[in-house]
Amino acid sequence: MTTMPAPLREVADRNEEHVRAYRSSNLIVLLEDPTTPAATKDAVLAHVAPWSDAFQRMISVRAAFETDPQLKELALEHQQEEVGHNDILADSHRSGRTAGWDPVVEAGAAWFVDQFRTLPGLHRVVLAHLVLEAGSLTFSNAGSLAFPGNAYFALHDEADEEHIEMGYRLLAERQDWQLGEVTELLDHAWQIITMVSDRIAELARRDTVVPA
């Protein structure tokens, strides 16, 4: 683990608070609950697919708009490692169900894409590595319980931890960021992640409700 100076330790502690809260979100609880019907868990994979596709757009925009040479290299490395993971998700568990367009999921994705276009480079690092990857790791841990042996979740359990560490290493090396700005960004981004996740859980339950 990266050795952390005091401001970065505050960032890590704040982020871990958000991760703990996210573990109690509707989506994670749904996947980890052994009483959740299999059909509902299957529906989660269909409804998370548009978000997985949007993640590819997010990391592409980050790489395209980054101008700092060091951060550009990191963004391109991250993009290369993530390319095609949405296809792995689609191939890992085909249920025949396809998610339609949803305004909440699309709005959340659009917020992240816009941030990757406009924020300074280290703020992009925070979004990509401390929020998106930490959220993905939490989701993958829950998904591994719900879908043992699933190739997509097995891949992300290992890859996401390294991607999170990438972010902390960069913030430890660079001093051109402000604690208040970073913690505010964490707060906003985790609200978006939770909003989208709760919506995915809602859609999965709605699609598999048993008529009375």
N, C-alpha and C. Protein backbone atom coordinates (compact mmCIF):
# COMPACT_ATOMS: atom_id res chain seq x y z
N MET A 1 0.84 -1.20 0.00
CA MET A 1 0.00 0.00 0.00
C MET A 1 0.88 1.24 0.00
N THR A 2 0.44 2.27 -0.71
CA THR A 2 1.18 3.52 -0.81
C THR A 2 1.31 4.19 0.56
N THR A 3 2.55 4.68 0.87
CA THR A 3 2.74 5.48 2.08
C THR A 3 2.04 6.82 1.89
N MET A 4 1.21 7.21 2.84
CA MET A 4 0.34 8.36 2.65
C MET A 4 0.71 9.51 3.58
N PRO A 5 1.00 10.69 3.02
CA PRO A 5 1.11 11.89 3.85
C PRO A 5 -0.27 12.24 4.42
N ALA A 6 -0.28 13.13 5.41
CA ALA A 6 -1.52 13.41 6.14
C ALA A 6 -2.70 13.80 5.25
N PRO A 7 -2.54 14.74 4.29
CA PRO A 7 -3.72 15.09 3.48
C PRO A 7 -4.26 13.90 2.68
N LEU A 8 -3.37 13.07 2.15
CA LEU A 8 -3.82 11.92 1.38
C LEU A 8 -4.50 10.90 2.29
N ARG A 9 -4.03 10.77 3.51
CA ARG A 9 -4.69 9.87 4.46
C ARG A 9 -6.12 10.34 4.71
N GLU A 10 -6.33 11.66 4.78
CA GLU A 10 -7.69 12.17 4.95
C GLU A 10 -8.55 11.81 3.75
N VAL A 11 -7.97 11.90 2.55
CA VAL A 11 -8.70 11.51 1.34
C VAL A 11 -9.06 10.03 1.40
N ALA A 12 -8.09 9.20 1.76
CA ALA A 12 -8.34 7.76 1.82
C ALA A 12 -9.40 7.42 2.87
N ASP A 13 -9.34 8.08 4.01
CA ASP A 13 -10.33 7.83 5.06
C ASP A 13 -11.72 8.25 4.60
N ARG A 14 -11.80 9.40 3.93
CA ARG A 14 -13.10 9.87 3.44
C ARG A 14 -13.64 8.91 2.38
N ASN A 15 -12.75 8.45 1.52
CA ASN A 15 -13.20 7.54 0.47
C ASN A 15 -13.66 6.21 1.07
N GLU A 16 -12.96 5.75 2.09
CA GLU A 16 -13.36 4.49 2.72
C GLU A 16 -14.71 4.63 3.41
N GLU A 17 -15.02 5.80 3.94
CA GLU A 17 -16.35 6.04 4.50
C GLU A 17 -17.42 5.85 3.43
N HIS A 18 -17.14 6.39 2.25
CA HIS A 18 -18.09 6.25 1.15
C HIS A 18 -18.21 4.79 0.70
N VAL A 19 -17.10 4.09 0.67
CA VAL A 19 -17.14 2.67 0.28
C VAL A 19 -17.99 1.88 1.27
N ARG A 20 -17.79 2.14 2.55
CA ARG A 20 -18.59 1.42 3.57
C ARG A 20 -20.08 1.72 3.40
N ALA A 21 -20.41 2.98 3.13
CA ALA A 21 -21.81 3.34 2.92
C ALA A 21 -22.35 2.65 1.67
N TYR A 22 -21.53 2.58 0.63
CA TYR A 22 -21.97 1.96 -0.62
C TYR A 22 -22.23 0.47 -0.44
N ARG A 23 -21.52 -0.17 0.47
CA ARG A 23 -21.75 -1.60 0.72
C ARG A 23 -23.16 -1.85 1.27
N SER A 24 -23.78 -0.80 1.79
CA SER A 24 -25.15 -0.92 2.31
C SER A 24 -26.18 -0.42 1.30
N SER A 25 -25.76 -0.10 0.10
CA SER A 25 -26.70 0.40 -0.91
C SER A 25 -27.62 -0.71 -1.37
N ASN A 26 -28.72 -0.32 -1.99
CA ASN A 26 -29.73 -1.29 -2.40
C ASN A 26 -29.18 -2.35 -3.35
N LEU A 27 -28.32 -1.94 -4.26
CA LEU A 27 -27.79 -2.89 -5.25
C LEU A 27 -26.90 -3.93 -4.60
N ILE A 28 -26.00 -3.49 -3.75
CA ILE A 28 -25.07 -4.44 -3.12
C ILE A 28 -25.82 -5.39 -2.19
N VAL A 29 -26.77 -4.86 -1.43
CA VAL A 29 -27.57 -5.70 -0.54
C VAL A 29 -28.36 -6.72 -1.34
N LEU A 30 -28.93 -6.29 -2.46
CA LEU A 30 -29.69 -7.21 -3.32
C LEU A 30 -28.82 -8.38 -3.76
N LEU A 31 -27.61 -8.09 -4.22
CA LEU A 31 -26.74 -9.15 -4.72
C LEU A 31 -26.24 -10.07 -3.62
N GLU A 32 -26.00 -9.52 -2.44
CA GLU A 32 -25.44 -10.33 -1.36
C GLU A 32 -26.51 -11.09 -0.57
N ASP A 33 -27.76 -10.73 -0.74
CA ASP A 33 -28.85 -11.37 0.00
C ASP A 33 -29.15 -12.74 -0.62
N PRO A 34 -28.96 -13.83 0.12
CA PRO A 34 -29.21 -15.16 -0.45
C PRO A 34 -30.68 -15.42 -0.76
N THR A 35 -31.58 -14.58 -0.23
CA THR A 35 -33.00 -14.78 -0.52
C THR A 35 -33.46 -14.04 -1.77
N THR A 36 -32.59 -13.23 -2.37
CA THR A 36 -32.97 -12.54 -3.60
C THR A 36 -33.20 -13.57 -4.70
N PRO A 37 -34.33 -13.52 -5.39
CA PRO A 37 -34.58 -14.50 -6.46
C PRO A 37 -33.51 -14.45 -7.54
N ALA A 38 -33.20 -15.61 -8.10
CA ALA A 38 -32.18 -15.68 -9.16
C ALA A 38 -32.55 -14.80 -10.34
N ALA A 39 -33.83 -14.72 -10.65
CA ALA A 39 -34.26 -13.90 -11.79
C ALA A 39 -33.95 -12.43 -11.56
N THR A 40 -34.07 -11.98 -10.32
CA THR A 40 -33.77 -10.58 -10.00
C THR A 40 -32.28 -10.31 -10.13
N LYS A 41 -31.47 -11.25 -9.66
CA LYS A 41 -30.02 -11.09 -9.81
C LYS A 41 -29.63 -11.09 -11.29
N ASP A 42 -30.26 -11.96 -12.07
CA ASP A 42 -29.99 -11.97 -13.51
C ASP A 42 -30.35 -10.63 -14.14
N ALA A 43 -31.45 -10.06 -13.68
CA ALA A 43 -31.90 -8.77 -14.24
C ALA A 43 -30.90 -7.66 -13.92
N VAL A 44 -30.21 -7.76 -12.79
CA VAL A 44 -29.18 -6.77 -12.46
C VAL A 44 -28.14 -6.71 -13.57
N LEU A 45 -27.70 -7.87 -14.05
CA LEU A 45 -26.66 -7.89 -15.08
C LEU A 45 -27.14 -7.22 -16.36
N ALA A 46 -28.42 -7.37 -16.68
CA ALA A 46 -28.95 -6.69 -17.86
C ALA A 46 -28.97 -5.18 -17.65
N HIS A 47 -29.38 -4.75 -16.48
CA HIS A 47 -29.53 -3.31 -16.25
C HIS A 47 -28.21 -2.62 -15.94
N VAL A 48 -27.19 -3.37 -15.55
CA VAL A 48 -25.89 -2.75 -15.33
C VAL A 48 -25.12 -2.62 -16.65
N ALA A 49 -25.56 -3.31 -17.69
CA ALA A 49 -24.84 -3.27 -18.97
C ALA A 49 -24.72 -1.86 -19.55
N PRO A 50 -25.78 -1.04 -19.56
CA PRO A 50 -25.61 0.33 -20.07
C PRO A 50 -24.59 1.15 -19.28
N TRP A 51 -24.52 0.92 -17.98
CA TRP A 51 -23.51 1.61 -17.17
C TRP A 51 -22.11 1.11 -17.53
N SER A 52 -21.97 -0.19 -17.76
CA SER A 52 -20.69 -0.76 -18.16
C SER A 52 -20.25 -0.19 -19.51
N ASP A 53 -21.21 -0.04 -20.43
CA ASP A 53 -20.89 0.58 -21.72
C ASP A 53 -20.47 2.04 -21.52
N ALA A 54 -21.17 2.73 -20.63
CA ALA A 54 -20.85 4.14 -20.38
C ALA A 54 -19.47 4.28 -19.75
N PHE A 55 -19.07 3.31 -18.94
CA PHE A 55 -17.74 3.35 -18.33
C PHE A 55 -16.67 3.39 -19.41
N GLN A 56 -16.89 2.66 -20.50
CA GLN A 56 -15.93 2.70 -21.61
C GLN A 56 -15.84 4.12 -22.19
N ARG A 57 -16.97 4.81 -22.28
CA ARG A 57 -16.95 6.20 -22.76
C ARG A 57 -16.19 7.09 -21.78
N MET A 58 -16.42 6.87 -20.50
CA MET A 58 -15.76 7.70 -19.48
C MET A 58 -14.24 7.61 -19.59
N ILE A 59 -13.71 6.40 -19.64
CA ILE A 59 -12.26 6.26 -19.66
C ILE A 59 -11.67 6.72 -20.99
N SER A 60 -12.45 6.62 -22.06
CA SER A 60 -11.99 7.12 -23.36
C SER A 60 -11.92 8.64 -23.36
N VAL A 61 -12.93 9.28 -22.79
CA VAL A 61 -12.93 10.75 -22.70
C VAL A 61 -11.79 11.23 -21.81
N ARG A 62 -11.58 10.54 -20.71
CA ARG A 62 -10.46 10.92 -19.83
C ARG A 62 -9.15 10.90 -20.59
N ALA A 63 -8.89 9.83 -21.33
CA ALA A 63 -7.64 9.72 -22.07
C ALA A 63 -7.55 10.77 -23.17
N ALA A 64 -8.67 11.04 -23.83
CA ALA A 64 -8.66 11.98 -24.95
C ALA A 64 -8.41 13.41 -24.50
N PHE A 65 -8.93 13.79 -23.33
CA PHE A 65 -8.85 15.18 -22.90
C PHE A 65 -7.67 15.46 -21.97
N GLU A 66 -6.95 14.44 -21.55
CA GLU A 66 -5.81 14.66 -20.65
C GLU A 66 -4.63 15.24 -21.43
N THR A 67 -4.00 16.26 -20.87
CA THR A 67 -2.86 16.90 -21.53
C THR A 67 -1.56 16.76 -20.74
N ASP A 68 -1.65 16.50 -19.44
CA ASP A 68 -0.46 16.30 -18.62
C ASP A 68 0.20 14.98 -19.04
N PRO A 69 1.49 14.98 -19.42
CA PRO A 69 2.12 13.76 -19.95
C PRO A 69 2.04 12.57 -19.00
N GLN A 70 2.32 12.78 -17.71
CA GLN A 70 2.29 11.68 -16.76
C GLN A 70 0.88 11.13 -16.60
N LEU A 71 -0.09 12.04 -16.50
CA LEU A 71 -1.47 11.61 -16.31
C LEU A 71 -2.05 11.01 -17.59
N LYS A 72 -1.58 11.51 -18.73
CA LYS A 72 -2.00 10.93 -20.02
C LYS A 72 -1.55 9.48 -20.11
N GLU A 73 -0.32 9.22 -19.71
CA GLU A 73 0.20 7.85 -19.74
C GLU A 73 -0.64 6.94 -18.84
N LEU A 74 -0.97 7.43 -17.65
CA LEU A 74 -1.79 6.64 -16.73
C LEU A 74 -3.18 6.40 -17.32
N ALA A 75 -3.76 7.44 -17.91
CA ALA A 75 -5.10 7.31 -18.48
C ALA A 75 -5.12 6.30 -19.62
N LEU A 76 -4.09 6.33 -20.46
CA LEU A 76 -4.02 5.39 -21.58
C LEU A 76 -3.81 3.96 -21.08
N GLU A 77 -2.98 3.81 -20.05
CA GLU A 77 -2.77 2.48 -19.46
C GLU A 77 -4.07 1.94 -18.88
N HIS A 78 -4.79 2.80 -18.17
CA HIS A 78 -6.06 2.39 -17.59
C HIS A 78 -7.06 2.01 -18.68
N GLN A 79 -7.11 2.82 -19.73
CA GLN A 79 -8.03 2.55 -20.83
C GLN A 79 -7.71 1.21 -21.48
N GLN A 80 -6.44 0.96 -21.72
CA GLN A 80 -6.04 -0.29 -22.37
C GLN A 80 -6.44 -1.50 -21.52
N GLU A 81 -6.29 -1.38 -20.21
CA GLU A 81 -6.61 -2.50 -19.34
C GLU A 81 -8.11 -2.74 -19.22
N GLU A 82 -8.91 -1.70 -19.47
CA GLU A 82 -10.36 -1.82 -19.30
C GLU A 82 -11.11 -2.10 -20.60
N VAL A 83 -10.46 -1.90 -21.73
CA VAL A 83 -11.15 -2.06 -23.02
C VAL A 83 -11.75 -3.46 -23.13
N GLY A 84 -13.02 -3.50 -23.52
CA GLY A 84 -13.69 -4.78 -23.76
C GLY A 84 -14.31 -5.42 -22.54
N HIS A 85 -14.16 -4.82 -21.37
CA HIS A 85 -14.74 -5.43 -20.18
C HIS A 85 -16.26 -5.44 -20.23
N ASN A 86 -16.85 -4.47 -20.92
CA ASN A 86 -18.31 -4.49 -21.09
C ASN A 86 -18.74 -5.69 -21.93
N ASP A 87 -17.92 -6.07 -22.90
CA ASP A 87 -18.23 -7.26 -23.70
C ASP A 87 -18.08 -8.53 -22.87
N ILE A 88 -17.09 -8.55 -21.98
CA ILE A 88 -16.92 -9.71 -21.09
C ILE A 88 -18.14 -9.86 -20.19
N LEU A 89 -18.66 -8.72 -19.70
CA LEU A 89 -19.88 -8.77 -18.89
C LEU A 89 -21.03 -9.37 -19.69
N ALA A 90 -21.19 -8.91 -20.92
CA ALA A 90 -22.30 -9.41 -21.75
C ALA A 90 -22.15 -10.90 -22.03
N ASP A 91 -20.92 -11.34 -22.25
CA ASP A 91 -20.69 -12.75 -22.59
C ASP A 91 -20.72 -13.67 -21.38
N SER A 92 -20.52 -13.09 -20.18
CA SER A 92 -20.35 -13.94 -19.00
C SER A 92 -21.66 -14.52 -18.48
N HIS A 93 -22.76 -13.89 -18.84
CA HIS A 93 -24.03 -14.37 -18.28
C HIS A 93 -25.16 -13.91 -19.19
N ARG A 94 -25.42 -14.65 -20.22
CA ARG A 94 -26.47 -14.27 -21.17
C ARG A 94 -27.82 -14.79 -20.69
N SER A 95 -28.72 -13.86 -20.39
CA SER A 95 -30.05 -14.24 -19.90
C SER A 95 -31.13 -13.97 -20.94
N GLY A 96 -30.76 -13.34 -22.05
CA GLY A 96 -31.74 -12.98 -23.05
C GLY A 96 -32.48 -11.70 -22.74
N ARG A 97 -32.15 -11.07 -21.61
CA ARG A 97 -32.81 -9.83 -21.20
C ARG A 97 -31.97 -8.64 -21.65
N THR A 98 -32.62 -7.61 -22.18
CA THR A 98 -31.92 -6.40 -22.61
C THR A 98 -32.52 -5.20 -21.90
N ALA A 99 -31.65 -4.36 -21.36
CA ALA A 99 -32.13 -3.17 -20.66
C ALA A 99 -32.47 -2.08 -21.66
N GLY A 100 -33.54 -1.36 -21.38
CA GLY A 100 -33.88 -0.21 -22.19
C GLY A 100 -33.17 1.04 -21.69
N TRP A 101 -33.42 2.14 -22.38
CA TRP A 101 -32.85 3.43 -21.98
C TRP A 101 -33.47 3.87 -20.66
N ASP A 102 -32.64 4.33 -19.74
CA ASP A 102 -33.15 4.80 -18.45
C ASP A 102 -32.57 6.17 -18.15
N PRO A 103 -33.41 7.15 -17.80
CA PRO A 103 -32.91 8.52 -17.61
C PRO A 103 -31.97 8.66 -16.42
N VAL A 104 -32.17 7.88 -15.36
CA VAL A 104 -31.31 8.01 -14.18
C VAL A 104 -29.91 7.47 -14.48
N VAL A 105 -29.85 6.30 -15.09
CA VAL A 105 -28.56 5.71 -15.44
C VAL A 105 -27.83 6.61 -16.44
N GLU A 106 -28.56 7.10 -17.43
CA GLU A 106 -27.93 7.95 -18.44
C GLU A 106 -27.46 9.27 -17.86
N ALA A 107 -28.24 9.83 -16.94
CA ALA A 107 -27.84 11.10 -16.31
C ALA A 107 -26.57 10.91 -15.48
N GLY A 108 -26.51 9.81 -14.74
CA GLY A 108 -25.31 9.54 -13.95
C GLY A 108 -24.09 9.37 -14.83
N ALA A 109 -24.25 8.63 -15.92
CA ALA A 109 -23.13 8.43 -16.85
C ALA A 109 -22.70 9.75 -17.47
N ALA A 110 -23.68 10.57 -17.85
CA ALA A 110 -23.36 11.86 -18.48
C ALA A 110 -22.61 12.77 -17.52
N TRP A 111 -22.94 12.71 -16.22
CA TRP A 111 -22.23 13.53 -15.23
C TRP A 111 -20.75 13.16 -15.22
N PHE A 112 -20.46 11.87 -15.19
CA PHE A 112 -19.06 11.45 -15.15
C PHE A 112 -18.34 11.82 -16.45
N VAL A 113 -18.98 11.60 -17.58
CA VAL A 113 -18.34 11.96 -18.85
C VAL A 113 -18.01 13.44 -18.88
N ASP A 114 -18.94 14.27 -18.41
CA ASP A 114 -18.71 15.71 -18.40
C ASP A 114 -17.55 16.08 -17.47
N GLN A 115 -17.47 15.43 -16.31
CA GLN A 115 -16.37 15.71 -15.39
C GLN A 115 -15.02 15.34 -16.01
N PHE A 116 -14.98 14.23 -16.72
CA PHE A 116 -13.73 13.81 -17.36
C PHE A 116 -13.33 14.75 -18.49
N ARG A 117 -14.28 15.46 -19.06
CA ARG A 117 -13.96 16.45 -20.09
C ARG A 117 -13.39 17.72 -19.48
N THR A 118 -13.90 18.12 -18.32
CA THR A 118 -13.68 19.49 -17.86
C THR A 118 -12.79 19.63 -16.63
N LEU A 119 -12.65 18.61 -15.81
CA LEU A 119 -11.90 18.75 -14.57
C LEU A 119 -10.39 18.72 -14.80
N PRO A 120 -9.61 19.27 -13.87
CA PRO A 120 -8.15 19.14 -13.94
C PRO A 120 -7.74 17.67 -13.84
N GLY A 121 -6.52 17.39 -14.30
CA GLY A 121 -6.07 16.01 -14.43
C GLY A 121 -6.13 15.19 -13.16
N LEU A 122 -5.66 15.73 -12.03
CA LEU A 122 -5.66 14.94 -10.81
C LEU A 122 -7.08 14.69 -10.29
N HIS A 123 -7.99 15.59 -10.61
CA HIS A 123 -9.39 15.33 -10.26
C HIS A 123 -9.94 14.17 -11.09
N ARG A 124 -9.48 14.06 -12.32
CA ARG A 124 -9.86 12.91 -13.14
C ARG A 124 -9.33 11.62 -12.52
N VAL A 125 -8.12 11.68 -11.98
CA VAL A 125 -7.55 10.52 -11.30
C VAL A 125 -8.43 10.10 -10.14
N VAL A 126 -8.88 11.07 -9.36
CA VAL A 126 -9.75 10.78 -8.22
C VAL A 126 -11.02 10.08 -8.68
N LEU A 127 -11.65 10.61 -9.71
CA LEU A 127 -12.89 10.01 -10.20
C LEU A 127 -12.67 8.60 -10.72
N ALA A 128 -11.63 8.42 -11.53
CA ALA A 128 -11.42 7.13 -12.18
C ALA A 128 -10.97 6.06 -11.20
N HIS A 129 -10.02 6.40 -10.35
CA HIS A 129 -9.35 5.38 -9.55
C HIS A 129 -9.89 5.25 -8.13
N LEU A 130 -10.33 6.35 -7.54
CA LEU A 130 -10.80 6.28 -6.16
C LEU A 130 -12.31 6.05 -6.08
N VAL A 131 -13.04 6.48 -7.10
CA VAL A 131 -14.50 6.34 -7.05
C VAL A 131 -14.97 5.21 -7.97
N LEU A 132 -14.76 5.35 -9.26
CA LEU A 132 -15.27 4.33 -10.18
C LEU A 132 -14.68 2.96 -9.91
N GLU A 133 -13.38 2.90 -9.67
CA GLU A 133 -12.76 1.59 -9.44
C GLU A 133 -13.13 1.02 -8.07
N ALA A 134 -13.22 1.88 -7.06
CA ALA A 134 -13.63 1.38 -5.74
C ALA A 134 -15.08 0.92 -5.77
N GLY A 135 -15.93 1.64 -6.50
CA GLY A 135 -17.31 1.20 -6.65
C GLY A 135 -17.39 -0.11 -7.41
N SER A 136 -16.57 -0.23 -8.45
CA SER A 136 -16.54 -1.46 -9.24
C SER A 136 -16.07 -2.64 -8.41
N LEU A 137 -15.08 -2.42 -7.56
CA LEU A 137 -14.58 -3.50 -6.71
C LEU A 137 -15.66 -3.97 -5.74
N THR A 138 -16.37 -3.03 -5.14
CA THR A 138 -17.45 -3.39 -4.22
C THR A 138 -18.54 -4.17 -4.95
N PHE A 139 -18.91 -3.69 -6.13
CA PHE A 139 -19.91 -4.38 -6.94
C PHE A 139 -19.43 -5.77 -7.34
N SER A 140 -18.16 -5.88 -7.71
CA SER A 140 -17.62 -7.17 -8.14
C SER A 140 -17.57 -8.17 -6.99
N ASN A 141 -17.22 -7.69 -5.80
CA ASN A 141 -17.22 -8.58 -4.64
C ASN A 141 -18.62 -9.15 -4.39
N ALA A 142 -19.62 -8.28 -4.49
CA ALA A 142 -21.00 -8.74 -4.32
C ALA A 142 -21.42 -9.65 -5.47
N GLY A 143 -20.99 -9.30 -6.68
CA GLY A 143 -21.33 -10.12 -7.83
C GLY A 143 -20.71 -11.50 -7.78
N SER A 144 -19.51 -11.60 -7.22
CA SER A 144 -18.87 -12.90 -7.09
C SER A 144 -19.65 -13.82 -6.16
N LEU A 145 -20.29 -13.23 -5.15
CA LEU A 145 -21.15 -14.02 -4.26
C LEU A 145 -22.42 -14.46 -4.98
N ALA A 146 -22.98 -13.55 -5.76
CA ALA A 146 -24.24 -13.84 -6.45
C ALA A 146 -24.05 -14.77 -7.64
N PHE A 147 -22.88 -14.68 -8.29
CA PHE A 147 -22.61 -15.46 -9.50
C PHE A 147 -21.24 -16.13 -9.38
N PRO A 148 -21.12 -17.16 -8.57
CA PRO A 148 -19.82 -17.82 -8.38
C PRO A 148 -19.25 -18.31 -9.72
N GLY A 149 -17.96 -18.03 -9.92
CA GLY A 149 -17.30 -18.48 -11.13
C GLY A 149 -17.50 -17.58 -12.34
N ASN A 150 -18.27 -16.51 -12.19
CA ASN A 150 -18.50 -15.60 -13.31
C ASN A 150 -17.19 -14.92 -13.71
N ALA A 151 -16.86 -14.98 -14.99
CA ALA A 151 -15.56 -14.49 -15.47
C ALA A 151 -15.41 -12.99 -15.28
N TYR A 152 -16.48 -12.24 -15.47
CA TYR A 152 -16.41 -10.78 -15.35
C TYR A 152 -16.05 -10.37 -13.93
N PHE A 153 -16.73 -10.94 -12.95
CA PHE A 153 -16.49 -10.55 -11.57
C PHE A 153 -15.13 -11.04 -11.08
N ALA A 154 -14.72 -12.21 -11.52
CA ALA A 154 -13.40 -12.71 -11.13
C ALA A 154 -12.30 -11.80 -11.65
N LEU A 155 -12.46 -11.31 -12.87
CA LEU A 155 -11.48 -10.40 -13.46
C LEU A 155 -11.38 -9.11 -12.66
N HIS A 156 -12.52 -8.56 -12.28
CA HIS A 156 -12.52 -7.26 -11.62
C HIS A 156 -12.07 -7.31 -10.18
N ASP A 157 -12.27 -8.41 -9.52
CA ASP A 157 -11.80 -8.51 -8.13
C ASP A 157 -10.31 -8.19 -8.05
N GLU A 158 -9.54 -8.70 -9.00
CA GLU A 158 -8.09 -8.51 -8.99
C GLU A 158 -7.69 -7.18 -9.61
N ALA A 159 -8.26 -6.86 -10.76
CA ALA A 159 -7.83 -5.68 -11.51
C ALA A 159 -8.19 -4.38 -10.79
N ASP A 160 -9.36 -4.33 -10.16
CA ASP A 160 -9.80 -3.08 -9.56
C ASP A 160 -8.92 -2.65 -8.40
N GLU A 161 -8.42 -3.61 -7.62
CA GLU A 161 -7.56 -3.25 -6.49
C GLU A 161 -6.30 -2.54 -6.98
N GLU A 162 -5.71 -3.03 -8.05
CA GLU A 162 -4.51 -2.39 -8.60
C GLU A 162 -4.84 -1.01 -9.15
N HIS A 163 -6.00 -0.86 -9.77
CA HIS A 163 -6.37 0.44 -10.33
C HIS A 163 -6.60 1.47 -9.23
N ILE A 164 -7.16 1.06 -8.10
CA ILE A 164 -7.32 1.98 -6.97
C ILE A 164 -5.95 2.42 -6.47
N GLU A 165 -5.04 1.47 -6.35
CA GLU A 165 -3.69 1.78 -5.87
C GLU A 165 -2.98 2.75 -6.81
N MET A 166 -3.22 2.62 -8.12
CA MET A 166 -2.65 3.57 -9.08
C MET A 166 -3.01 5.01 -8.70
N GLY A 167 -4.26 5.22 -8.35
CA GLY A 167 -4.71 6.56 -8.00
C GLY A 167 -4.03 7.11 -6.77
N TYR A 168 -3.92 6.30 -5.74
CA TYR A 168 -3.27 6.77 -4.52
C TYR A 168 -1.78 7.06 -4.75
N ARG A 169 -1.14 6.24 -5.58
CA ARG A 169 0.28 6.49 -5.88
C ARG A 169 0.46 7.85 -6.55
N LEU A 170 -0.43 8.18 -7.48
CA LEU A 170 -0.32 9.47 -8.17
C LEU A 170 -0.53 10.64 -7.22
N LEU A 171 -1.53 10.53 -6.37
CA LEU A 171 -1.81 11.62 -5.43
C LEU A 171 -0.69 11.76 -4.40
N ALA A 172 -0.01 10.67 -4.09
CA ALA A 172 1.13 10.75 -3.17
C ALA A 172 2.32 11.43 -3.82
N GLU A 173 2.49 11.20 -5.13
CA GLU A 173 3.63 11.77 -5.85
C GLU A 173 3.44 13.25 -6.16
N ARG A 174 2.21 13.63 -6.44
CA ARG A 174 1.93 14.99 -6.90
C ARG A 174 1.33 15.83 -5.76
N GLN A 175 1.67 17.10 -5.75
CA GLN A 175 1.19 18.00 -4.70
C GLN A 175 0.18 19.02 -5.23
N ASP A 176 -0.12 18.99 -6.52
CA ASP A 176 -0.96 20.03 -7.12
C ASP A 176 -2.44 19.68 -7.02
N TRP A 177 -2.90 19.46 -5.79
CA TRP A 177 -4.32 19.26 -5.53
C TRP A 177 -4.64 19.78 -4.13
N GLN A 178 -5.91 20.14 -3.95
CA GLN A 178 -6.36 20.72 -2.68
C GLN A 178 -7.30 19.73 -1.99
N LEU A 179 -7.07 19.54 -0.69
CA LEU A 179 -7.85 18.57 0.07
C LEU A 179 -9.35 18.85 -0.02
N GLY A 180 -9.75 20.10 0.18
CA GLY A 180 -11.17 20.43 0.16
C GLY A 180 -11.83 20.12 -1.17
N GLU A 181 -11.13 20.43 -2.26
CA GLU A 181 -11.68 20.17 -3.59
C GLU A 181 -11.84 18.67 -3.84
N VAL A 182 -10.85 17.90 -3.40
CA VAL A 182 -10.89 16.46 -3.64
C VAL A 182 -11.98 15.80 -2.81
N THR A 183 -12.10 16.18 -1.55
CA THR A 183 -13.13 15.55 -0.72
C THR A 183 -14.54 15.93 -1.20
N GLU A 184 -14.70 17.16 -1.67
CA GLU A 184 -16.00 17.56 -2.22
C GLU A 184 -16.32 16.74 -3.48
N LEU A 185 -15.31 16.53 -4.31
CA LEU A 185 -15.51 15.72 -5.51
C LEU A 185 -15.89 14.29 -5.14
N LEU A 186 -15.22 13.73 -4.14
CA LEU A 186 -15.58 12.39 -3.68
C LEU A 186 -17.04 12.34 -3.24
N ASP A 187 -17.45 13.33 -2.47
CA ASP A 187 -18.83 13.35 -1.97
C ASP A 187 -19.83 13.37 -3.12
N HIS A 188 -19.58 14.22 -4.10
CA HIS A 188 -20.50 14.32 -5.23
C HIS A 188 -20.52 13.04 -6.05
N ALA A 189 -19.34 12.51 -6.34
CA ALA A 189 -19.25 11.34 -7.21
C ALA A 189 -19.89 10.11 -6.59
N TRP A 190 -19.70 9.93 -5.29
CA TRP A 190 -20.31 8.77 -4.64
C TRP A 190 -21.83 8.91 -4.57
N GLN A 191 -22.33 10.13 -4.50
CA GLN A 191 -23.78 10.31 -4.58
C GLN A 191 -24.31 9.84 -5.93
N ILE A 192 -23.57 10.15 -6.99
CA ILE A 192 -23.99 9.72 -8.33
C ILE A 192 -23.92 8.20 -8.44
N ILE A 193 -22.82 7.60 -7.98
CA ILE A 193 -22.68 6.15 -8.03
C ILE A 193 -23.84 5.47 -7.29
N THR A 194 -24.16 5.97 -6.12
CA THR A 194 -25.23 5.36 -5.33
C THR A 194 -26.58 5.56 -6.00
N MET A 195 -26.81 6.73 -6.56
CA MET A 195 -28.06 7.00 -7.28
C MET A 195 -28.26 6.00 -8.42
N VAL A 196 -27.22 5.81 -9.22
CA VAL A 196 -27.30 4.89 -10.35
C VAL A 196 -27.50 3.46 -9.86
N SER A 197 -26.76 3.08 -8.84
CA SER A 197 -26.86 1.71 -8.32
C SER A 197 -28.25 1.43 -7.75
N ASP A 198 -28.78 2.38 -7.00
CA ASP A 198 -30.14 2.20 -6.46
C ASP A 198 -31.15 2.06 -7.59
N ARG A 199 -30.95 2.81 -8.66
CA ARG A 199 -31.87 2.71 -9.80
C ARG A 199 -31.77 1.34 -10.47
N ILE A 200 -30.56 0.82 -10.61
CA ILE A 200 -30.39 -0.51 -11.20
C ILE A 200 -31.10 -1.57 -10.36
N ALA A 201 -30.97 -1.46 -9.04
CA ALA A 201 -31.66 -2.40 -8.16
C ALA A 201 -33.17 -2.27 -8.31
N GLU A 202 -33.65 -1.03 -8.39
CA GLU A 202 -35.09 -0.80 -8.57
C GLU A 202 -35.59 -1.41 -9.87
N LEU A 203 -34.85 -1.22 -10.95
CA LEU A 203 -35.25 -1.76 -12.25
C LEU A 203 -35.25 -3.29 -12.24
N ALA A 204 -34.25 -3.88 -11.60
CA ALA A 204 -34.18 -5.34 -11.55
C ALA A 204 -35.36 -5.92 -10.78
N ARG A 205 -35.71 -5.29 -9.68
CA ARG A 205 -36.86 -5.76 -8.90
C ARG A 205 -38.16 -5.55 -9.67
N ARG A 206 -38.28 -4.41 -10.32
CA ARG A 206 -39.50 -4.10 -11.07
C ARG A 206 -39.73 -5.12 -12.18
N ASP A 207 -38.66 -5.50 -12.85
CA ASP A 207 -38.78 -6.40 -14.00
C ASP A 207 -39.08 -7.84 -13.60
N THR A 208 -38.85 -8.17 -12.34
CA THR A 208 -39.01 -9.57 -11.92
C THR A 208 -40.03 -9.73 -10.81
N VAL A 209 -40.84 -8.71 -10.59
CA VAL A 209 -41.86 -8.81 -9.55
C VAL A 209 -42.87 -9.88 -9.93
N VAL A 210 -43.27 -10.66 -8.96
CA VAL A 210 -44.25 -11.72 -9.18
C VAL A 210 -45.64 -11.14 -8.99
N PRO A 211 -46.52 -11.24 -9.99
CA PRO A 211 -47.87 -10.68 -9.85
C PRO A 211 -48.61 -11.31 -8.66
N ALA A 212 -49.36 -10.48 -7.98
CA ALA A 212 -50.12 -10.98 -6.82
C ALA A 212 -51.27 -11.86 -7.27
